[in-house]
PDB file of all heavy atoms in Angstrom:
ATOM      1  N   TRP A   1      -8.775  -4.422 -22.901  1.00  0.00           N
ATOM      2  CA  TRP A   1      -8.268  -4.863 -24.198  1.00  0.00           C
ATOM      3  C   TRP A   1      -9.405  -4.968 -25.220  1.00  0.00           C
ATOM      4  O   TRP A   1      -9.227  -4.625 -26.391  1.00  0.00           O
ATOM      5  CB  TRP A   1      -7.556  -6.192 -24.035  1.00  0.00           C
ATOM      6  CG  TRP A   1      -6.957  -6.732 -25.295  1.00  0.00           C
ATOM      7  CD1 TRP A   1      -7.417  -7.754 -26.050  1.00  0.00           C
ATOM      8  CD2 TRP A   1      -5.783  -6.262 -25.955  1.00  0.00           C
ATOM      9  NE1 TRP A   1      -6.609  -7.969 -27.135  1.00  0.00           N
ATOM     10  CE2 TRP A   1      -5.585  -7.056 -27.111  1.00  0.00           C
ATOM     11  CE3 TRP A   1      -4.860  -5.254 -25.681  1.00  0.00           C
ATOM     12  CZ2 TRP A   1      -4.518  -6.862 -27.970  1.00  0.00           C
ATOM     13  CZ3 TRP A   1      -3.787  -5.065 -26.556  1.00  0.00           C
ATOM     14  CH2 TRP A   1      -3.627  -5.873 -27.680  1.00  0.00           C
ATOM     15  N   ASN A   2     -10.567  -5.444 -24.812  1.00  0.00           N
ATOM     16  CA  ASN A   2     -11.685  -5.590 -25.734  1.00  0.00           C
ATOM     17  C   ASN A   2     -12.374  -4.259 -26.026  1.00  0.00           C
ATOM     18  O   ASN A   2     -12.899  -4.063 -27.128  1.00  0.00           O
ATOM     19  CB  ASN A   2     -12.718  -6.568 -25.153  1.00  0.00           C
ATOM     20  CG  ASN A   2     -12.188  -7.976 -25.059  1.00  0.00           C
ATOM     21  OD1 ASN A   2     -11.358  -8.390 -25.869  1.00  0.00           O
ATOM     22  ND2 ASN A   2     -12.643  -8.730 -24.064  1.00  0.00           N
ATOM     23  N   THR A   3     -12.386  -3.347 -25.066  1.00  0.00           N
ATOM     24  CA  THR A   3     -13.091  -2.077 -25.244  1.00  0.00           C
ATOM     25  C   THR A   3     -12.246  -1.072 -26.011  1.00  0.00           C
ATOM     26  O   THR A   3     -12.768  -0.291 -26.810  1.00  0.00           O
ATOM     27  CB  THR A   3     -13.484  -1.493 -23.879  1.00  0.00           C
ATOM     28  OG1 THR A   3     -14.211  -2.481 -23.135  1.00  0.00           O
ATOM     29  CG2 THR A   3     -14.368  -0.268 -24.049  1.00  0.00           C
ATOM     30  N   PHE A   4     -10.952  -1.078 -25.781  1.00  0.00           N
ATOM     31  CA  PHE A   4     -10.042  -0.122 -26.438  1.00  0.00           C
ATOM     32  C   PHE A   4      -8.963  -0.900 -27.188  1.00  0.00           C
ATOM     33  O   PHE A   4      -7.793  -0.912 -26.784  1.00  0.00           O
ATOM     34  CB  PHE A   4      -9.406   0.810 -25.404  1.00  0.00           C
ATOM     35  CG  PHE A   4     -10.390   1.444 -24.465  1.00  0.00           C
ATOM     36  CD1 PHE A   4     -10.526   0.977 -23.160  1.00  0.00           C
ATOM     37  CD2 PHE A   4     -11.185   2.497 -24.874  1.00  0.00           C
ATOM     38  CE1 PHE A   4     -11.419   1.559 -22.295  1.00  0.00           C
ATOM     39  CE2 PHE A   4     -12.097   3.083 -24.012  1.00  0.00           C
ATOM     40  CZ  PHE A   4     -12.222   2.611 -22.720  1.00  0.00           C
ATOM     41  N   PRO A   5      -9.345  -1.578 -28.273  1.00  0.00           N
ATOM     42  CA  PRO A   5      -8.354  -2.416 -28.974  1.00  0.00           C
ATOM     43  C   PRO A   5      -7.264  -1.610 -29.668  1.00  0.00           C
ATOM     44  O   PRO A   5      -6.191  -2.145 -29.939  1.00  0.00           O
ATOM     45  CB  PRO A   5      -9.213  -3.187 -29.992  1.00  0.00           C
ATOM     46  CG  PRO A   5     -10.406  -2.309 -30.213  1.00  0.00           C
ATOM     47  CD  PRO A   5     -10.669  -1.620 -28.919  1.00  0.00           C
ATOM     48  N   ASN A   6      -7.519  -0.337 -29.951  1.00  0.00           N
ATOM     49  CA  ASN A   6      -6.520   0.481 -30.652  1.00  0.00           C
ATOM     50  C   ASN A   6      -5.482   1.079 -29.714  1.00  0.00           C
ATOM     51  O   ASN A   6      -4.498   1.649 -30.185  1.00  0.00           O
ATOM     52  CB  ASN A   6      -7.217   1.606 -31.416  1.00  0.00           C
ATOM     53  CG  ASN A   6      -8.149   1.080 -32.500  1.00  0.00           C
ATOM     54  OD1 ASN A   6      -7.878   0.045 -33.100  1.00  0.00           O
ATOM     55  ND2 ASN A   6      -9.246   1.779 -32.745  1.00  0.00           N
ATOM     56  N   LEU A   7      -5.709   0.991 -28.414  1.00  0.00           N
ATOM     57  CA  LEU A   7      -4.762   1.541 -27.450  1.00  0.00           C
ATOM     58  C   LEU A   7      -3.772   0.473 -27.018  1.00  0.00           C
ATOM     59  O   LEU A   7      -4.031  -0.726 -27.111  1.00  0.00           O
ATOM     60  CB  LEU A   7      -5.502   2.086 -26.224  1.00  0.00           C
ATOM     61  CG  LEU A   7      -6.486   3.239 -26.484  1.00  0.00           C
ATOM     62  CD1 LEU A   7      -7.145   3.668 -25.181  1.00  0.00           C
ATOM     63  CD2 LEU A   7      -5.774   4.422 -27.130  1.00  0.00           C
ATOM     64  N   GLN A   8      -2.648   0.938 -26.542  1.00  0.00           N
ATOM     65  CA  GLN A   8      -1.624   0.009 -26.058  1.00  0.00           C
ATOM     66  C   GLN A   8      -2.074  -0.607 -24.739  1.00  0.00           C
ATOM     67  O   GLN A   8      -2.630   0.075 -23.869  1.00  0.00           O
ATOM     68  CB  GLN A   8      -0.304   0.745 -25.870  1.00  0.00           C
ATOM     69  CG  GLN A   8       0.852  -0.164 -25.473  1.00  0.00           C
ATOM     70  CD  GLN A   8       2.147   0.607 -25.359  1.00  0.00           C
ATOM     71  OE1 GLN A   8       2.178   1.818 -25.542  1.00  0.00           O
ATOM     72  NE2 GLN A   8       3.228  -0.108 -25.053  1.00  0.00           N
ATOM     73  N   GLU A   9      -1.855  -1.886 -24.590  1.00  0.00           N
ATOM     74  CA  GLU A   9      -2.256  -2.572 -23.372  1.00  0.00           C
ATOM     75  C   GLU A   9      -1.479  -2.016 -22.189  1.00  0.00           C
ATOM     76  O   GLU A   9      -0.268  -1.775 -22.295  1.00  0.00           O
ATOM     77  CB  GLU A   9      -2.001  -4.069 -23.500  1.00  0.00           C
ATOM     78  CG  GLU A   9      -2.546  -4.876 -22.337  1.00  0.00           C
ATOM     79  CD  GLU A   9      -2.367  -6.363 -22.545  1.00  0.00           C
ATOM     80  OE1 GLU A   9      -1.812  -6.733 -23.600  1.00  0.00           O
ATOM     81  OE2 GLU A   9      -2.776  -7.141 -21.664  1.00  0.00           O
ATOM     82  N   PRO A  10      -2.157  -1.777 -21.065  1.00  0.00           N
ATOM     83  CA  PRO A  10      -1.462  -1.212 -19.905  1.00  0.00           C
ATOM     84  C   PRO A  10      -0.317  -2.097 -19.447  1.00  0.00           C
ATOM     85  O   PRO A  10      -0.354  -3.323 -19.549  1.00  0.00           O
ATOM     86  CB  PRO A  10      -2.566  -1.138 -18.833  1.00  0.00           C
ATOM     87  CG  PRO A  10      -3.839  -1.143 -19.600  1.00  0.00           C
ATOM     88  CD  PRO A  10      -3.587  -1.960 -20.832  1.00  0.00           C
ATOM     89  N   ALA A  11       0.706  -1.448 -18.944  1.00  0.00           N
ATOM     90  CA  ALA A  11       1.867  -2.184 -18.445  1.00  0.00           C
ATOM     91  C   ALA A  11       1.523  -2.880 -17.135  1.00  0.00           C
ATOM     92  O   ALA A  11       0.444  -2.703 -16.567  1.00  0.00           O
ATOM     93  CB  ALA A  11       3.047  -1.229 -18.262  1.00  0.00           C
ATOM     94  N   GLU A  12       2.464  -3.651 -16.660  1.00  0.00           N
ATOM     95  CA  GLU A  12       2.238  -4.407 -15.435  1.00  0.00           C
ATOM     96  C   GLU A  12       2.208  -3.535 -14.192  1.00  0.00           C
ATOM     97  O   GLU A  12       1.828  -3.988 -13.121  1.00  0.00           O
ATOM     98  CB  GLU A  12       3.333  -5.466 -15.284  1.00  0.00           C
ATOM     99  CG  GLU A  12       3.219  -6.607 -16.258  1.00  0.00           C
ATOM    100  CD  GLU A  12       1.943  -7.403 -16.067  1.00  0.00           C
ATOM    101  OE1 GLU A  12       1.450  -7.495 -14.927  1.00  0.00           O
ATOM    102  OE2 GLU A  12       1.431  -7.944 -17.059  1.00  0.00           O
ATOM    103  N   GLY A  13       2.570  -2.263 -14.309  1.00  0.00           N
ATOM    104  CA  GLY A  13       2.502  -1.378 -13.157  1.00  0.00           C
ATOM    105  C   GLY A  13       3.856  -1.213 -12.489  1.00  0.00           C
ATOM    106  O   GLY A  13       4.790  -1.998 -12.711  1.00  0.00           O
ATOM    107  N   PRO A  14       3.959  -0.196 -11.644  1.00  0.00           N
ATOM    108  CA  PRO A  14       5.257   0.061 -10.992  1.00  0.00           C
ATOM    109  C   PRO A  14       5.586  -0.995  -9.951  1.00  0.00           C
ATOM    110  O   PRO A  14       4.723  -1.644  -9.381  1.00  0.00           O
ATOM    111  CB  PRO A  14       5.018   1.434 -10.318  1.00  0.00           C
ATOM    112  CG  PRO A  14       3.537   1.497 -10.102  1.00  0.00           C
ATOM    113  CD  PRO A  14       2.917   0.746 -11.254  1.00  0.00           C
ATOM    114  N   THR A  15       6.866  -1.128  -9.708  1.00  0.00           N
ATOM    115  CA  THR A  15       7.336  -2.068  -8.699  1.00  0.00           C
ATOM    116  C   THR A  15       7.220  -1.431  -7.320  1.00  0.00           C
ATOM    117  O   THR A  15       7.677  -0.299  -7.099  1.00  0.00           O
ATOM    118  CB  THR A  15       8.792  -2.460  -8.977  1.00  0.00           C
ATOM    119  OG1 THR A  15       8.870  -3.018 -10.288  1.00  0.00           O
ATOM    120  CG2 THR A  15       9.279  -3.469  -7.961  1.00  0.00           C
ATOM    121  N   VAL A  16       6.595  -2.147  -6.405  1.00  0.00           N
ATOM    122  CA  VAL A  16       6.405  -1.642  -5.056  1.00  0.00           C
ATOM    123  C   VAL A  16       7.633  -2.012  -4.227  1.00  0.00           C
ATOM    124  O   VAL A  16       8.037  -3.177  -4.150  1.00  0.00           O
ATOM    125  CB  VAL A  16       5.123  -2.227  -4.417  1.00  0.00           C
ATOM    126  CG1 VAL A  16       4.953  -1.710  -2.985  1.00  0.00           C
ATOM    127  CG2 VAL A  16       3.923  -1.868  -5.269  1.00  0.00           C
ATOM    128  N   LEU A  17       8.243  -0.997  -3.615  1.00  0.00           N
ATOM    129  CA  LEU A  17       9.448  -1.214  -2.829  1.00  0.00           C
ATOM    130  C   LEU A  17       9.090  -1.824  -1.477  1.00  0.00           C
ATOM    131  O   LEU A  17       8.042  -1.544  -0.902  1.00  0.00           O
ATOM    132  CB  LEU A  17      10.191   0.117  -2.637  1.00  0.00           C
ATOM    133  CG  LEU A  17      10.662   0.810  -3.932  1.00  0.00           C
ATOM    134  CD1 LEU A  17      11.332   2.139  -3.597  1.00  0.00           C
ATOM    135  CD2 LEU A  17      11.608  -0.085  -4.718  1.00  0.00           C
ATOM    136  N   GLU A  18       9.987  -2.625  -0.975  1.00  0.00           N
ATOM    137  CA  GLU A  18       9.806  -3.255   0.332  1.00  0.00           C
ATOM    138  C   GLU A  18      10.000  -2.208   1.424  1.00  0.00           C
ATOM    139  O   GLU A  18      11.011  -1.491   1.452  1.00  0.00           O
ATOM    140  CB  GLU A  18      10.817  -4.389   0.500  1.00  0.00           C
ATOM    141  CG  GLU A  18      10.547  -5.274   1.684  1.00  0.00           C
ATOM    142  CD  GLU A  18       9.375  -6.201   1.451  1.00  0.00           C
ATOM    143  OE1 GLU A  18       9.033  -6.435   0.275  1.00  0.00           O
ATOM    144  OE2 GLU A  18       8.806  -6.701   2.442  1.00  0.00           O
ATOM    145  N   PRO A  19       9.030  -2.058   2.339  1.00  0.00           N
ATOM    146  CA  PRO A  19       9.177  -1.056   3.392  1.00  0.00           C
ATOM    147  C   PRO A  19      10.230  -1.487   4.413  1.00  0.00           C
ATOM    148  O   PRO A  19      10.619  -2.654   4.477  1.00  0.00           O
ATOM    149  CB  PRO A  19       7.781  -1.019   4.022  1.00  0.00           C
ATOM    150  CG  PRO A  19       7.221  -2.370   3.792  1.00  0.00           C
ATOM    151  CD  PRO A  19       7.781  -2.809   2.473  1.00  0.00           C
ATOM    152  N   PRO A  20      10.700  -0.559   5.211  1.00  0.00           N
ATOM    153  CA  PRO A  20      11.684  -0.917   6.252  1.00  0.00           C
ATOM    154  C   PRO A  20      11.044  -1.816   7.304  1.00  0.00           C
ATOM    155  O   PRO A  20       9.815  -1.916   7.386  1.00  0.00           O
ATOM    156  CB  PRO A  20      12.077   0.446   6.840  1.00  0.00           C
ATOM    157  CG  PRO A  20      10.939   1.361   6.509  1.00  0.00           C
ATOM    158  CD  PRO A  20      10.393   0.873   5.206  1.00  0.00           C
ATOM    159  N   PRO A  21      11.846  -2.495   8.089  1.00  0.00           N
ATOM    160  CA  PRO A  21      11.300  -3.382   9.143  1.00  0.00           C
ATOM    161  C   PRO A  21      10.375  -2.617  10.085  1.00  0.00           C
ATOM    162  O   PRO A  21      10.586  -1.433  10.385  1.00  0.00           O
ATOM    163  CB  PRO A  21      12.559  -3.890   9.858  1.00  0.00           C
ATOM    164  CG  PRO A  21      13.656  -3.730   8.873  1.00  0.00           C
ATOM    165  CD  PRO A  21      13.320  -2.528   8.044  1.00  0.00           C
ATOM    166  N   GLN A  22       9.331  -3.313  10.526  1.00  0.00           N
ATOM    167  CA  GLN A  22       8.323  -2.709  11.387  1.00  0.00           C
ATOM    168  C   GLN A  22       8.177  -3.541  12.657  1.00  0.00           C
ATOM    169  O   GLN A  22       8.275  -4.772  12.624  1.00  0.00           O
ATOM    170  CB  GLN A  22       6.963  -2.632  10.667  1.00  0.00           C
ATOM    171  CG  GLN A  22       6.978  -1.789   9.414  1.00  0.00           C
ATOM    172  CD  GLN A  22       5.663  -1.907   8.640  1.00  0.00           C
ATOM    173  OE1 GLN A  22       4.970  -2.911   8.728  1.00  0.00           O
ATOM    174  NE2 GLN A  22       5.363  -0.877   7.870  1.00  0.00           N
ATOM    175  N   ASN A  23       7.907  -2.851  13.762  1.00  0.00           N
ATOM    176  CA  ASN A  23       7.602  -3.573  14.987  1.00  0.00           C
ATOM    177  C   ASN A  23       6.122  -3.968  14.991  1.00  0.00           C
ATOM    178  O   ASN A  23       5.391  -3.666  14.032  1.00  0.00           O
ATOM    179  CB  ASN A  23       7.967  -2.744  16.222  1.00  0.00           C
ATOM    180  CG  ASN A  23       7.259  -1.388  16.230  1.00  0.00           C
ATOM    181  OD1 ASN A  23       6.110  -1.284  15.794  1.00  0.00           O
ATOM    182  ND2 ASN A  23       7.945  -0.367  16.715  1.00  0.00           N
ATOM    183  N   ILE A  24       5.684  -4.623  16.050  1.00  0.00           N
ATOM    184  CA  ILE A  24       4.311  -5.135  16.075  1.00  0.00           C
ATOM    185  C   ILE A  24       3.299  -3.999  16.010  1.00  0.00           C
ATOM    186  O   ILE A  24       2.292  -4.079  15.284  1.00  0.00           O
ATOM    187  CB  ILE A  24       4.100  -6.000  17.331  1.00  0.00           C
ATOM    188  CG1 ILE A  24       4.975  -7.252  17.257  1.00  0.00           C
ATOM    189  CG2 ILE A  24       2.639  -6.397  17.471  1.00  0.00           C
ATOM    190  CD1 ILE A  24       4.854  -8.156  18.480  1.00  0.00           C
ATOM    191  N   PHE A  25       3.554  -2.932  16.732  1.00  0.00           N
ATOM    192  CA  PHE A  25       2.631  -1.800  16.700  1.00  0.00           C
ATOM    193  C   PHE A  25       2.544  -1.221  15.295  1.00  0.00           C
ATOM    194  O   PHE A  25       1.450  -0.923  14.788  1.00  0.00           O
ATOM    195  CB  PHE A  25       3.077  -0.747  17.718  1.00  0.00           C
ATOM    196  CG  PHE A  25       2.220   0.488  17.710  1.00  0.00           C
ATOM    197  CD1 PHE A  25       0.985   0.502  18.337  1.00  0.00           C
ATOM    198  CD2 PHE A  25       2.653   1.636  17.053  1.00  0.00           C
ATOM    199  CE1 PHE A  25       0.189   1.638  18.316  1.00  0.00           C
ATOM    200  CE2 PHE A  25       1.869   2.775  17.032  1.00  0.00           C
ATOM    201  CZ  PHE A  25       0.627   2.781  17.670  1.00  0.00           C
TER     202      PHE A  25
END
C-alpha cells in the first residue's frame, strides 16, 4: 500500500475449499 499507492489494494485472495476426509496416512 505504501509503495504502490496508485494501485488498487490486493483483494483478500481466493477461498480455499475444504478437502475431502482423509485417513491418518
